[in-house]
């Protein structure tokens, strides 16, 4: 068997050099601390690229001024975010008295905040919570050696720049936080119905035959417009009666005029004049009676065709139903068509007994379409005095103006009834609130910058929501289409530096 050759002296030296270089590189990486996780990062954060900075042994930002170094970190493991400062002198841990150190924090749209510190085991702890987002300019001030040293830095989180032109193009609207009236509400399923006070069912009022129908369902008609033409023997009889009454009245009037002339000439006695006047008056009454019978049926007194009956629209509106057809024989109660004025509609909702004390006449309501984006304001006009035997509920009715025809009868809607109203100091639009990480936020507008403002929210009425913490009255924020700002922040990343 052939023996293995031993490595030469040069090979051994080369291996030793490589091992030494590898060890030195490992020590350098561990010592620099540039890739350590931030201390107390209790939730996941996307990282934006930012200039590299030195980190201390505790993973914080290392700030240097000559022989003095301060490691600043935000600690949040099991506690609210707090400042922790570690001091070093000439690279070695050092102690600073709490009274020597303060930290000035400057945020967009906020008054500067000064943190004082207390001594803990090996570090100085800040006296207040570091509010989210951790986006600010910070300056650590140290009274040392007869002078004040200022060590500062800036960091941005959940922030993005957008110009006014970009906002306009994206449809982002800016609003101002401030006092508002928040209404507590209840919601009821409801339905749009015809306004019965402005809806008419057209019937023949007597037996007839439909000769012609002049309109179709969906047609808009004027008051007095001809809807259909009927042929009725009853109408023919009434017109014949009227013609006969008119002829008798003419004869009676002529007789009365002749008798009056004879009486004035002292040829006939006065009794004959009185009898002629009485006969004329009776003929006039009969003529008016025949005319009124025709008018009650909607028939004109004069027509070249005795049996012709024109059905006229009693109101201006839209033909919503038209069951009539040419050649059809109809009775006095047969519905021929329905005309409705849809410039206003009813919205009706069933009100359970538990809500009868809240849904009262005069209460403000909001009507919202379920199938598309539409809403309107109104008030309860009527609440039925009885509870239905089957439904065990009362009926609430809202009269809703409908000039554009958006609210169509049969449309399912949601009726939101305002139960009570409360003034709040600060409120924002509900549509402005977005979810970012584990926060509810709005995006404050500061110059051309947007920055997330985590909020503590209170009462809401679906349009406005009370802000208990996180935003001040007078601050501007992205209201409509605020999701565009959220998307841009997501694209930019949201660094969270400790």
Protein backbone atom coordinates (compact mmCIF):
# COMPACT_ATOMS: atom_id res chain seq x y z
CA UNK A 1 0.00 0.00 0.00
CA UNK A 2 1.32 3.47 -0.92
CA UNK A 3 1.79 5.93 2.00
CA UNK A 4 0.08 9.41 1.96
CA UNK A 5 2.40 12.38 1.36
CA UNK A 6 2.78 14.78 4.28
CA UNK A 7 1.80 18.46 3.66
CA UNK A 8 4.73 20.73 3.05
CA UNK A 9 5.76 23.72 5.18
CA UNK A 10 4.32 26.25 2.69
CA UNK A 11 0.91 24.52 2.68
CA UNK A 12 0.76 24.62 6.48
CA UNK A 13 1.53 28.35 6.50
CA UNK A 14 -1.19 29.04 3.91
CA UNK A 15 -3.81 27.13 5.91
CA UNK A 16 -2.86 29.00 9.10
CA UNK A 17 -3.21 32.37 7.36
CA UNK A 18 -6.70 31.51 6.01
CA UNK A 19 -7.90 30.40 9.45
CA UNK A 20 -6.60 33.60 11.02
CA UNK A 21 -8.33 35.78 8.42
CA UNK A 22 -11.62 33.92 8.88
CA UNK A 23 -11.51 34.34 12.65
CA UNK A 24 -10.73 38.04 12.32
CA UNK A 25 -13.68 38.53 9.95
CA UNK A 26 -16.05 36.75 12.33
CA UNK A 27 -14.90 38.91 15.24
CA UNK A 28 -15.38 42.06 13.15
CA UNK A 29 -18.94 41.08 12.17
CA UNK A 30 -19.98 40.23 15.72
CA UNK A 31 -18.30 43.33 17.13
CA UNK A 32 -19.89 45.78 14.70
CA UNK A 33 -23.45 44.78 15.65
CA UNK A 34 -24.80 46.25 12.38
CA UNK A 35 -27.00 43.28 11.62
CA UNK A 36 -28.53 42.76 15.07
CA UNK A 37 -32.29 43.00 15.48
CA UNK A 38 -33.63 46.16 17.13
CA UNK A 39 -34.21 45.69 20.84
CA UNK A 40 -37.82 45.25 21.90
CA UNK A 41 -39.29 45.05 18.42
CA UNK A 42 -42.56 43.50 19.46
CA UNK A 43 -44.11 43.40 15.98
CA UNK A 44 -43.01 42.93 12.40
CA UNK A 45 -42.05 45.99 10.38
CA UNK A 46 -41.02 46.38 6.79
CA UNK A 47 -37.65 48.07 6.45
CA UNK A 48 -36.77 50.97 4.19
CA UNK A 49 -33.22 51.42 3.04
CA UNK A 50 -31.53 54.08 5.18
CA UNK A 51 -27.92 55.18 5.75
CA UNK A 52 -25.98 52.65 7.81
CA UNK A 53 -25.24 53.70 11.37
CA UNK A 54 -23.27 52.16 14.19
CA UNK A 55 -25.08 50.02 16.70
CA UNK A 56 -24.10 49.39 20.28
CA UNK A 57 -23.96 46.13 22.21
CA UNK A 58 -27.69 46.41 23.03
CA UNK A 59 -28.72 46.84 19.41
CA UNK A 60 -29.39 50.58 19.75
CA UNK A 61 -28.13 53.51 17.71
CA UNK A 62 -24.59 54.48 18.73
CA UNK A 63 -23.94 58.24 18.84
CA UNK A 64 -20.39 59.57 19.30
CA UNK A 65 -18.91 62.89 20.40
CA UNK A 66 -15.18 62.63 21.03
CA UNK A 67 -14.46 60.23 23.88
CA UNK A 68 -18.18 60.01 24.80
CA UNK A 69 -20.66 57.65 23.14
CA UNK A 70 -24.38 57.22 23.87
CA UNK A 71 -26.32 54.15 22.78
CA UNK A 72 -30.01 55.08 22.36
CA UNK A 73 -32.60 52.33 22.08
CA UNK A 74 -36.36 52.04 22.36
CA UNK A 75 -37.15 49.04 24.53
CA UNK A 76 -40.60 47.47 24.26
CA UNK A 77 -40.37 43.86 25.41
CA UNK A 78 -43.39 43.41 27.68
CA UNK A 79 -43.64 47.16 28.36
CA UNK A 80 -44.80 50.31 26.59
CA UNK A 81 -42.01 51.66 24.34
CA UNK A 82 -39.44 53.45 26.52
CA UNK A 83 -36.09 55.09 26.01
CA UNK A 84 -33.01 53.33 27.36
CA UNK A 85 -29.66 55.08 27.16
CA UNK A 86 -26.27 53.45 27.71
CA UNK A 87 -23.12 55.58 28.16
CA UNK A 88 -19.57 54.70 27.06
CA UNK A 89 -16.33 56.59 27.47
CA UNK A 90 -13.33 55.62 25.39
CA UNK A 91 -15.19 52.46 24.37
CA UNK A 92 -15.90 51.32 27.92
CA UNK A 93 -19.19 51.42 29.88
CA UNK A 94 -19.54 54.65 31.86
CA UNK A 95 -22.05 56.12 34.26
CA UNK A 96 -23.89 59.42 33.82
CA UNK A 97 -26.10 60.98 36.45
CA UNK A 98 -29.80 61.25 35.38
CA UNK A 99 -29.63 65.01 35.77
CA UNK A 100 -26.89 65.20 33.16
CA UNK A 101 -29.01 63.78 30.34
CA UNK A 102 -32.19 64.81 28.51
CA UNK A 103 -33.66 63.89 25.12
CA UNK A 104 -35.57 66.29 22.87
CA UNK A 105 -38.05 64.66 20.45
CA UNK A 106 -39.50 66.62 17.51
CA UNK A 107 -42.36 65.19 15.41
CA UNK A 108 -44.33 66.44 12.42
CA UNK A 109 -47.24 68.55 13.59
CA UNK A 110 -46.45 68.17 17.30
CA UNK A 111 -44.89 70.34 19.99
CA UNK A 112 -41.36 69.24 20.96
CA UNK A 113 -41.28 66.68 23.78
CA UNK A 114 -38.50 66.52 26.38
CA UNK A 115 -37.70 63.22 28.10
CA UNK A 116 -36.03 63.11 31.51
CA UNK A 117 -34.30 60.01 32.82
CA UNK A 118 -33.97 57.90 35.96
CA UNK A 119 -31.14 55.57 36.90
CA UNK A 120 -31.67 51.84 36.43
CA UNK A 121 -29.22 48.93 36.61
CA UNK A 122 -26.71 49.78 33.91
CA UNK A 123 -28.82 52.27 31.92
CA UNK A 124 -30.95 55.42 32.08
CA UNK A 125 -34.72 54.97 31.53
CA UNK A 126 -36.96 57.62 29.96
CA UNK A 127 -39.85 59.04 31.97
CA UNK A 128 -42.57 58.76 29.28
CA UNK A 129 -43.84 56.38 26.63
CA UNK A 130 -42.36 56.76 23.14
CA UNK A 131 -45.53 57.03 21.07
CA UNK A 132 -45.91 55.36 17.69
CA UNK A 133 -44.92 55.82 14.99
CA UNK A 134 -41.25 56.09 15.83
CA UNK A 135 -40.73 58.81 13.26
CA UNK A 136 -38.96 61.90 14.58
CA UNK A 137 -35.86 64.03 15.01
CA UNK A 138 -34.14 63.18 18.32
CA UNK A 139 -31.40 65.05 20.15
CA UNK A 140 -29.66 63.66 23.25
CA UNK A 141 -28.20 66.47 25.35
CA UNK A 142 -25.47 65.59 27.85
CA UNK A 143 -23.99 68.03 30.37
CA UNK A 144 -20.41 66.78 30.54
CA UNK A 145 -17.06 68.37 31.36
CA UNK A 146 -18.46 71.87 31.75
CA UNK A 147 -20.26 71.87 28.39
CA UNK A 148 -23.39 70.46 26.80
CA UNK A 149 -22.91 67.86 24.13
CA UNK A 150 -25.70 67.39 21.56
CA UNK A 151 -25.93 64.06 19.77
CA UNK A 152 -28.80 63.74 17.34
CA UNK A 153 -30.33 61.83 14.46
CA UNK A 154 -33.53 61.60 12.40
CA UNK A 155 -35.59 58.59 11.41
CA UNK A 156 -38.82 58.20 9.43
CA UNK A 157 -41.49 55.54 9.79
CA UNK A 158 -44.93 55.18 8.11
CA UNK A 159 -44.24 58.37 6.17
CA UNK A 160 -44.48 59.25 2.48
CA UNK A 161 -44.26 62.43 0.40
CA UNK A 162 -47.07 63.26 -2.05
CA UNK A 163 -47.53 66.52 -3.94
CA UNK A 164 -50.87 68.27 -4.35
CA UNK A 165 -50.84 67.28 -8.03
CA UNK A 166 -50.44 63.62 -7.07
CA UNK A 167 -53.30 63.90 -4.59
CA UNK A 168 -55.58 65.42 -7.21
CA UNK A 169 -54.72 62.72 -9.74
CA UNK A 170 -55.42 59.97 -7.18
CA UNK A 171 -58.65 61.59 -5.94
CA UNK A 172 -57.33 61.96 -2.39
CA UNK A 173 -59.25 64.62 -0.46
CA UNK A 174 -57.93 66.41 2.61
CA UNK A 175 -60.14 67.13 5.64
CA UNK A 176 -59.54 68.78 9.02
CA UNK A 177 -60.10 67.02 12.33
CA UNK A 178 -62.35 68.91 14.71
CA UNK A 179 -65.57 68.96 16.75
CA UNK A 180 -68.51 67.01 15.39
CA UNK A 181 -71.89 65.62 16.32
CA UNK A 182 -71.82 61.84 16.65
CA UNK A 183 -75.18 60.16 16.46
CA UNK A 184 -75.96 56.78 17.99
CA UNK A 185 -78.11 54.87 15.52
CA UNK A 186 -80.09 51.73 14.84
CA UNK A 187 -80.38 50.09 11.44
CA UNK A 188 -83.52 48.54 9.97
CA UNK A 189 -84.04 46.70 6.67
CA UNK A 190 -86.44 48.67 4.51
CA UNK A 191 -87.88 48.90 1.01
CA UNK A 192 -88.67 51.73 -1.39
CA UNK A 193 -92.38 51.93 -2.25
CA UNK A 194 -94.65 54.08 -4.38
CA UNK A 195 -95.87 57.26 -2.78
CA UNK A 196 -99.51 56.23 -2.46
CA UNK A 197 -100.55 59.88 -2.23
CA UNK A 198 -99.10 60.42 -5.72
CA UNK A 199 -100.11 57.11 -7.35
CA UNK A 200 -103.36 56.56 -9.27
CA UNK A 201 -104.91 53.37 -10.62
CA UNK A 202 -106.82 54.17 -13.80
CA UNK A 203 -110.07 52.19 -14.26
CA UNK A 204 -112.88 52.36 -16.82
CA UNK A 205 -115.65 53.13 -14.24
CA UNK A 206 -118.17 51.29 -16.43
CA UNK A 207 -118.43 48.35 -18.79
CA UNK A 208 -116.56 49.01 -22.04
CA UNK A 209 -114.32 47.64 -24.74
CA UNK A 210 -110.71 48.82 -25.16
CA UNK A 211 -110.32 50.23 -28.68
CA UNK A 212 -106.77 51.63 -28.42
CA UNK A 213 -103.99 51.93 -25.83
CA UNK A 214 -101.82 55.00 -26.47
CA UNK A 215 -99.03 54.53 -23.88
CA UNK A 216 -96.67 51.80 -22.72
CA UNK A 217 -95.29 50.92 -19.31
CA UNK A 218 -92.44 53.28 -18.47
CA UNK A 219 -93.79 56.19 -20.52
CA UNK A 220 -93.79 59.60 -18.89
CA UNK A 221 -97.20 61.27 -19.24
CA UNK A 222 -98.69 64.72 -18.64
CA UNK A 223 -101.76 65.47 -16.60
CA UNK A 224 -104.76 65.23 -18.95
CA UNK A 225 -102.92 63.16 -21.60
CA UNK A 226 -104.99 60.46 -23.33
CA UNK A 227 -103.97 57.03 -22.06
CA UNK A 228 -106.51 54.81 -23.84
CA UNK A 229 -109.68 54.97 -25.93
CA UNK A 230 -112.71 52.87 -24.95
CA UNK A 231 -116.05 52.15 -26.58
CA UNK A 232 -119.05 52.01 -24.24
CA UNK A 233 -122.76 51.72 -24.91
CA UNK A 234 -123.40 53.26 -21.52
CA UNK A 235 -121.51 56.38 -22.60
CA UNK A 236 -123.45 56.40 -25.86
CA UNK A 237 -126.70 56.30 -23.87
CA UNK A 238 -125.59 59.16 -21.61
CA UNK A 239 -124.58 61.30 -24.59
CA UNK A 240 -127.93 60.60 -26.25
CA UNK A 241 -129.65 61.56 -23.00
CA UNK A 242 -127.65 64.79 -22.90
CA UNK A 243 -128.52 65.63 -26.51
CA UNK A 244 -132.22 65.05 -25.80
CA UNK A 245 -132.03 67.17 -22.64
CA UNK A 246 -130.31 69.96 -24.56
CA UNK A 247 -133.05 69.87 -27.23
CA UNK A 248 -135.84 69.93 -24.60
CA UNK A 249 -134.11 72.84 -22.88
CA UNK A 250 -133.92 74.78 -26.15
CA UNK A 251 -137.64 74.19 -26.81
CA UNK A 252 -138.62 75.10 -23.25
CA UNK A 253 -136.54 78.29 -23.44
CA UNK A 254 -138.16 79.28 -26.74
CA UNK A 255 -141.64 78.66 -25.27
CA UNK A 256 -140.82 80.77 -22.20
CA UNK A 257 -139.53 83.64 -24.37
CA UNK A 258 -142.73 83.55 -26.51
CA UNK A 259 -145.04 83.48 -23.48
CA UNK A 260 -143.16 86.38 -21.90
CA UNK A 261 -143.60 88.53 -25.03
CA UNK A 262 -147.32 87.70 -25.14
CA UNK A 263 -147.70 88.56 -21.47
CA UNK A 264 -145.87 91.84 -21.96
CA UNK A 265 -148.30 92.56 -24.84
CA UNK A 266 -151.16 91.72 -22.45
CA UNK A 267 -152.28 88.87 -24.69
CA UNK A 268 -151.50 85.90 -22.38
CA UNK A 269 -152.00 85.68 -18.65
CA UNK A 270 -149.01 85.73 -16.26
CA UNK A 271 -149.77 82.14 -15.23
CA UNK A 272 -148.74 80.90 -18.70
CA UNK A 273 -145.39 82.72 -18.38
CA UNK A 274 -144.72 81.13 -15.00
CA UNK A 275 -145.54 77.64 -16.28
CA UNK A 276 -143.22 78.14 -19.27
CA UNK A 277 -140.41 79.35 -16.94
CA UNK A 278 -140.89 76.30 -14.69
CA UNK A 279 -140.73 73.91 -17.67
CA UNK A 280 -137.53 75.62 -18.90
CA UNK A 281 -135.90 75.28 -15.48
CA UNK A 282 -136.75 71.59 -15.29
CA UNK A 283 -135.24 71.05 -18.76
CA UNK A 284 -132.10 72.93 -17.68
CA UNK A 285 -131.75 70.71 -14.59
CA UNK A 286 -132.11 67.57 -16.71
CA UNK A 287 -129.47 68.87 -19.13
CA UNK A 288 -126.97 69.62 -16.32
CA UNK A 289 -127.61 66.21 -14.76
CA UNK A 290 -126.84 64.42 -18.03
CA UNK A 291 -123.65 66.47 -18.48
CA UNK A 292 -122.48 65.71 -14.91
CA UNK A 293 -122.99 61.97 -15.44
CA UNK A 294 -120.62 62.12 -18.41
CA UNK A 295 -118.08 64.23 -16.51
CA UNK A 296 -118.13 61.75 -13.62
CA UNK A 297 -116.98 59.09 -16.07
CA UNK A 298 -114.32 61.36 -17.54
CA UNK A 299 -116.19 61.57 -20.84
CA UNK A 300 -116.51 64.80 -22.77
CA UNK A 301 -119.96 66.11 -23.53
CA UNK A 302 -119.25 66.68 -27.21
CA UNK A 303 -117.98 63.85 -29.42
CA UNK A 304 -118.61 62.82 -32.99
CA UNK A 305 -118.74 59.21 -31.77
CA UNK A 306 -121.35 58.74 -29.06
CA UNK A 307 -119.72 55.58 -27.61
CA UNK A 308 -116.13 56.97 -27.53
CA UNK A 309 -114.56 57.35 -24.08
CA UNK A 310 -111.04 58.74 -23.68
CA UNK A 311 -109.22 57.83 -20.46
CA UNK A 312 -107.07 60.77 -19.34
CA UNK A 313 -104.13 60.73 -16.94
CA UNK A 314 -105.24 62.35 -13.67
CA UNK A 315 -101.64 63.32 -12.73
CA UNK A 316 -98.26 63.86 -14.34
CA UNK A 317 -95.99 60.89 -13.80
CA UNK A 318 -94.80 57.57 -15.19
CA UNK A 319 -96.92 54.64 -16.35
CA UNK A 320 -95.72 51.95 -13.96
CA UNK A 321 -98.24 49.24 -14.93
CA UNK A 322 -100.27 48.72 -18.09
CA UNK A 323 -102.32 45.52 -18.09
CA UNK A 324 -104.82 46.89 -20.65
CA UNK A 325 -104.71 45.69 -24.27
CA UNK A 326 -106.71 46.53 -27.38
CA UNK A 327 -109.89 44.46 -27.82
CA UNK A 328 -110.18 43.71 -24.11
CA UNK A 329 -113.61 43.90 -22.47
CA UNK A 330 -113.43 45.57 -19.07
CA UNK A 331 -115.74 46.17 -16.15
CA UNK A 332 -116.14 49.25 -14.02
CA UNK A 333 -113.38 48.19 -11.57
CA UNK A 334 -110.96 46.61 -14.03
CA UNK A 335 -107.49 48.22 -13.62
CA UNK A 336 -106.23 49.42 -16.98
CA UNK A 337 -102.99 51.08 -15.88
CA UNK A 338 -101.21 52.76 -12.98
CA UNK A 339 -99.62 56.19 -13.10
CA UNK A 340 -97.22 57.25 -10.36
CA UNK A 341 -95.41 60.50 -9.70
CA UNK A 342 -91.92 59.24 -8.70
CA UNK A 343 -90.56 62.67 -7.81
CA UNK A 344 -91.05 61.43 -4.26
CA UNK A 345 -91.26 57.90 -2.84
CA UNK A 346 -91.96 56.19 0.44
CA UNK A 347 -89.41 54.12 2.33
CA UNK A 348 -91.05 51.68 4.72
CA UNK A 349 -89.45 49.56 7.43
CA UNK A 350 -90.79 47.07 9.96
CA UNK A 351 -90.02 48.29 13.48
CA UNK A 352 -89.77 45.61 16.20
CA UNK A 353 -91.37 46.41 19.57
CA UNK A 354 -87.96 46.91 21.21
CA UNK A 355 -87.24 49.88 18.93
CA UNK A 356 -90.64 51.59 19.08
CA UNK A 357 -89.36 53.98 21.73
CA UNK A 358 -86.57 55.12 19.39
CA UNK A 359 -88.16 55.18 15.94
CA UNK A 360 -90.55 58.08 16.42
CA UNK A 361 -92.11 60.58 13.99
CA UNK A 362 -89.68 63.42 13.35
CA UNK A 363 -86.51 61.38 14.02
CA UNK A 364 -83.71 61.96 11.50
CA UNK A 365 -82.86 59.00 9.29
CA UNK A 366 -80.45 58.07 6.54
CA UNK A 367 -81.51 55.84 3.66
CA UNK A 368 -78.73 53.78 2.06
CA UNK A 369 -79.06 51.57 -1.02
CA UNK A 370 -77.89 47.99 -0.55
CA UNK A 371 -77.04 47.28 -4.19
CA UNK A 372 -75.10 50.43 -5.15
CA UNK A 373 -73.60 53.61 -3.74
CA UNK A 374 -76.45 55.98 -2.92
CA UNK A 375 -77.77 57.56 0.24
CA UNK A 376 -80.18 60.30 1.26
CA UNK A 377 -81.33 61.99 4.44
CA UNK A 378 -84.89 62.33 5.66
CA UNK A 379 -87.10 61.96 8.70
CA UNK A 380 -89.76 59.57 9.96
CA UNK A 381 -93.12 60.89 8.71
CA UNK A 382 -95.40 58.19 10.05
CA UNK A 383 -95.38 55.31 12.52
CA UNK A 384 -98.36 52.96 12.42
CA UNK A 385 -100.39 53.01 15.67
CA UNK A 386 -100.93 49.24 15.56
CA UNK A 387 -98.55 46.27 15.62
CA UNK A 388 -99.23 43.66 12.95
CA UNK A 389 -100.69 40.37 14.17
CA UNK A 390 -98.39 38.31 11.96
CA UNK A 391 -95.25 40.47 11.83
CA UNK A 392 -95.45 41.67 15.44
CA UNK A 393 -93.99 44.96 14.27
CA UNK A 394 -95.10 48.47 13.42
CA UNK A 395 -94.45 50.24 10.12
CA UNK A 396 -92.28 53.35 9.89
CA UNK A 397 -92.52 55.49 6.79
CA UNK A 398 -90.13 58.06 5.37
CA UNK A 399 -91.08 60.46 2.58
CA UNK A 400 -88.02 60.72 0.35
CA UNK A 401 -87.54 63.29 -2.43
CA UNK A 402 -86.53 61.54 -5.65
CA UNK A 403 -85.85 64.22 -8.28
CA UNK A 404 -83.31 62.10 -10.21
CA UNK A 405 -85.27 58.85 -10.03
CA UNK A 406 -82.52 57.01 -8.15
CA UNK A 407 -84.90 55.44 -5.62
CA UNK A 408 -87.00 52.91 -7.51
CA UNK A 409 -89.98 51.20 -5.87
CA UNK A 410 -89.05 47.68 -4.77
CA UNK A 411 -85.41 48.58 -4.10
CA UNK A 412 -84.07 47.07 -0.83
CA UNK A 413 -82.41 49.68 1.37
CA UNK A 414 -81.12 50.13 4.90
CA UNK A 415 -82.81 52.68 7.13
CA UNK A 416 -80.49 54.19 9.75
CA UNK A 417 -82.40 55.97 12.50
CA UNK A 418 -80.64 58.53 14.68
CA UNK A 419 -81.39 57.55 18.27
CA UNK A 420 -79.33 60.21 20.08
CA UNK A 421 -76.69 62.82 19.31
CA UNK A 422 -73.52 63.70 21.21
CA UNK A 423 -70.98 66.48 20.67
CA UNK A 424 -67.34 65.30 20.59
CA UNK A 425 -64.18 67.40 20.64
CA UNK A 426 -62.32 65.66 17.80
CA UNK A 427 -63.70 63.46 15.03
CA UNK A 428 -62.59 62.24 11.60
CA UNK A 429 -64.39 60.72 8.63
CA UNK A 430 -64.88 56.96 8.93
CA UNK A 431 -63.64 56.47 5.37
CA UNK A 432 -60.29 58.00 6.38
CA UNK A 433 -59.46 55.28 8.93
CA UNK A 434 -57.16 52.51 7.68
CA UNK A 435 -55.54 49.43 9.23
CA UNK A 436 -51.74 49.65 9.39
CA UNK A 437 -49.90 46.88 11.26
CA UNK A 438 -51.95 46.48 14.43
CA UNK A 439 -53.10 50.12 14.48
CA UNK A 440 -56.15 52.03 13.38
CA UNK A 441 -54.67 55.09 11.68
CA UNK A 442 -55.35 58.19 9.67
CA UNK A 443 -52.63 59.82 7.58
CA UNK A 444 -51.83 63.32 8.84
CA UNK A 445 -50.87 65.92 6.24
CA UNK A 446 -47.80 68.03 7.10
CA UNK A 447 -46.57 70.12 4.19
CA UNK A 448 -46.14 67.56 1.42
CA UNK A 449 -45.65 64.71 3.88
CA UNK A 450 -48.19 62.15 5.05
CA UNK A 451 -47.48 60.28 8.28
CA UNK A 452 -49.56 57.60 9.99
CA UNK A 453 -51.23 58.66 13.22
CA UNK A 454 -52.35 55.67 15.33
CA UNK A 455 -55.70 56.46 16.94
CA UNK A 456 -57.77 55.44 19.90
CA UNK A 457 -61.33 55.64 18.61
CA UNK A 458 -64.64 56.18 20.36
CA UNK A 459 -68.23 56.43 19.16
CA UNK A 460 -69.18 56.33 15.50
CA UNK A 461 -72.33 56.90 13.47
CA UNK A 462 -71.05 55.37 10.24
CA UNK A 463 -69.93 58.71 8.80
CA UNK A 464 -67.81 60.25 11.55
CA UNK A 465 -65.86 58.58 14.36
CA UNK A 466 -64.69 60.11 17.62
CA UNK A 467 -60.93 60.38 18.21
CA UNK A 468 -59.99 59.88 21.86
CA UNK A 469 -56.22 59.90 21.34
CA UNK A 470 -53.76 60.30 18.49
CA UNK A 471 -54.96 63.37 16.58
CA UNK A 472 -55.59 66.97 17.58
CA UNK A 473 -58.33 69.35 16.47
CA UNK A 474 -57.14 71.37 13.49
CA UNK A 475 -54.84 68.69 12.07
CA UNK A 476 -55.35 67.90 8.39
CA UNK A 477 -55.63 64.32 7.19
CA UNK A 478 -56.38 62.22 4.11
CA UNK A 479 -60.13 61.58 4.07
CA UNK A 480 -61.49 60.28 0.78
CA UNK A 481 -59.34 57.61 -0.97
CA UNK A 482 -56.93 57.43 1.98
CA UNK A 483 -56.09 53.88 0.91
CA UNK A 484 -53.93 55.42 -1.84
CA UNK A 485 -51.67 56.92 0.83
CA UNK A 486 -51.55 53.59 2.65
CA UNK A 487 -50.50 51.85 -0.57
CA UNK A 488 -47.70 54.36 -1.19
CA UNK A 489 -46.41 53.91 2.37
CA UNK A 490 -46.46 50.16 1.78
CA UNK A 491 -44.44 50.57 -1.42
CA UNK A 492 -41.89 52.79 0.31
CA UNK A 493 -41.61 50.46 3.30
CA UNK A 494 -42.03 51.49 6.91
CA UNK A 495 -38.80 51.33 8.86
CA UNK A 496 -38.99 50.79 12.59
CA UNK A 497 -35.64 51.66 14.10
CA UNK A 498 -34.61 51.21 17.68
